Protein backbone atom coordinates (compact mmCIF):
# COMPACT_ATOMS: atom_id res chain seq x y z
CA UNK A 1 0.00 0.00 0.00
CA UNK A 2 2.76 2.59 0.64
CA UNK A 3 3.91 2.23 -2.97
CA UNK A 4 0.43 3.09 -4.27
CA UNK A 5 0.10 6.04 -1.92
CA UNK A 6 3.45 7.45 -3.04
CA UNK A 7 2.50 7.05 -6.67
CA UNK A 8 -0.82 8.75 -6.03
CA UNK A 9 0.89 11.76 -4.46
CA UNK A 10 3.44 11.86 -7.28
CA UNK A 11 0.63 11.94 -9.82
CA UNK A 12 -1.18 14.68 -7.88
CA UNK A 13 2.06 16.67 -7.63
CA UNK A 14 2.72 16.32 -11.36
CA UNK A 15 -0.88 17.32 -12.11
CA UNK A 16 -0.57 20.45 -9.93
CA UNK A 17 2.74 21.38 -11.56
CA UNK A 18 1.22 21.01 -15.01
CA UNK A 19 -1.81 23.08 -13.97
CA UNK A 20 0.44 25.84 -12.61
CA UNK A 21 2.42 25.88 -15.86
CA UNK A 22 -0.79 26.02 -17.87
CA UNK A 23 -2.13 28.88 -15.73
CA UNK A 24 1.15 30.80 -16.12
CA UNK A 25 1.07 30.31 -19.88
CA UNK A 26 -2.55 31.49 -20.02
CA UNK A 27 -1.64 34.54 -17.92
CA UNK A 28 1.24 35.45 -20.25
CA UNK A 29 -0.97 34.97 -23.30
CA UNK A 30 -3.70 37.16 -21.79
CA UNK A 31 -1.15 39.88 -20.97
CA UNK A 32 0.26 39.78 -24.49
CA UNK A 33 -3.23 39.99 -25.97
CA UNK A 34 -4.24 42.89 -23.70
CA UNK A 35 -1.02 44.75 -24.46
CA UNK A 36 -1.42 44.34 -28.22
CA UNK A 37 -5.06 45.48 -28.05
CA UNK A 38 -4.10 48.53 -25.97
CA UNK A 39 -1.28 49.42 -28.37
CA UNK A 40 -3.65 49.05 -31.33
CA UNK A 41 -6.23 51.24 -29.62
CA UNK A 42 -3.66 53.91 -28.74
CA UNK A 43 -2.28 53.88 -32.29
CA UNK A 44 -5.74 54.85 -33.51
CA UNK A 45 -5.82 57.85 -31.16
CA UNK A 46 -4.04 61.08 -31.82
CA UNK A 47 -1.62 60.88 -28.88
CA UNK A 48 1.76 62.55 -28.67
CA UNK A 49 4.93 60.88 -27.56
CA UNK A 50 6.67 61.86 -24.34
CA UNK A 51 9.50 63.45 -26.35
CA UNK A 52 7.07 65.58 -28.37
CA UNK A 53 5.29 66.65 -25.20
CA UNK A 54 8.55 67.65 -23.49
CA UNK A 55 9.68 69.62 -26.57
CA UNK A 56 6.43 71.59 -26.74
CA UNK A 57 6.50 72.13 -22.99
CA UNK A 58 10.01 73.56 -23.23
CA UNK A 59 8.91 75.86 -26.06
CA UNK A 60 5.99 77.09 -23.94
CA UNK A 61 8.28 77.83 -21.00
CA UNK A 62 10.62 79.81 -23.26
CA UNK A 63 7.69 81.70 -24.79
CA UNK A 64 6.35 82.55 -21.33
CA UNK A 65 9.76 83.84 -20.24
CA UNK A 66 10.01 85.93 -23.40
CA UNK A 67 6.51 87.32 -22.76
CA UNK A 68 7.49 88.32 -19.23
CA UNK A 69 10.63 90.09 -20.51
CA UNK A 70 8.66 91.91 -23.20
CA UNK A 71 5.95 92.92 -20.73
CA UNK A 72 8.59 94.39 -18.40
CA UNK A 73 10.19 96.21 -21.31
CA UNK A 74 6.85 97.66 -22.43
CA UNK A 75 6.08 98.76 -18.87
CA UNK A 76 9.46 100.50 -18.67
CA UNK A 77 8.89 102.25 -22.02
CA UNK A 78 5.39 103.34 -21.00
CA UNK A 79 6.78 104.69 -17.74
CA UNK A 80 9.36 106.70 -19.66
CA UNK A 81 6.67 108.08 -21.94
CA UNK A 82 4.53 109.04 -18.98
CA UNK A 83 7.35 111.07 -17.40
CA UNK A 84 6.80 114.80 -17.67
CA UNK A 85 9.11 116.46 -20.15
CA UNK A 86 10.92 119.63 -19.18
């Protein structure tokens, strides 16, 4: 009887190992499918890349700085014009 019991547990162990491998394979396949579907969906959208976003952001920061400088310059010129002339 001990021989049969050992064999039974070996078979159960092998079955569980195979089931775990099958579940892992199914998980990887589902992840691959979901990733490909998400990439396909995003390709259809009009999204910008991170690099494009950073480049435009940098341009906006430079433009804002330039606007601030120009606004200060205009204020200084307007102040000079407002000064009474002798």
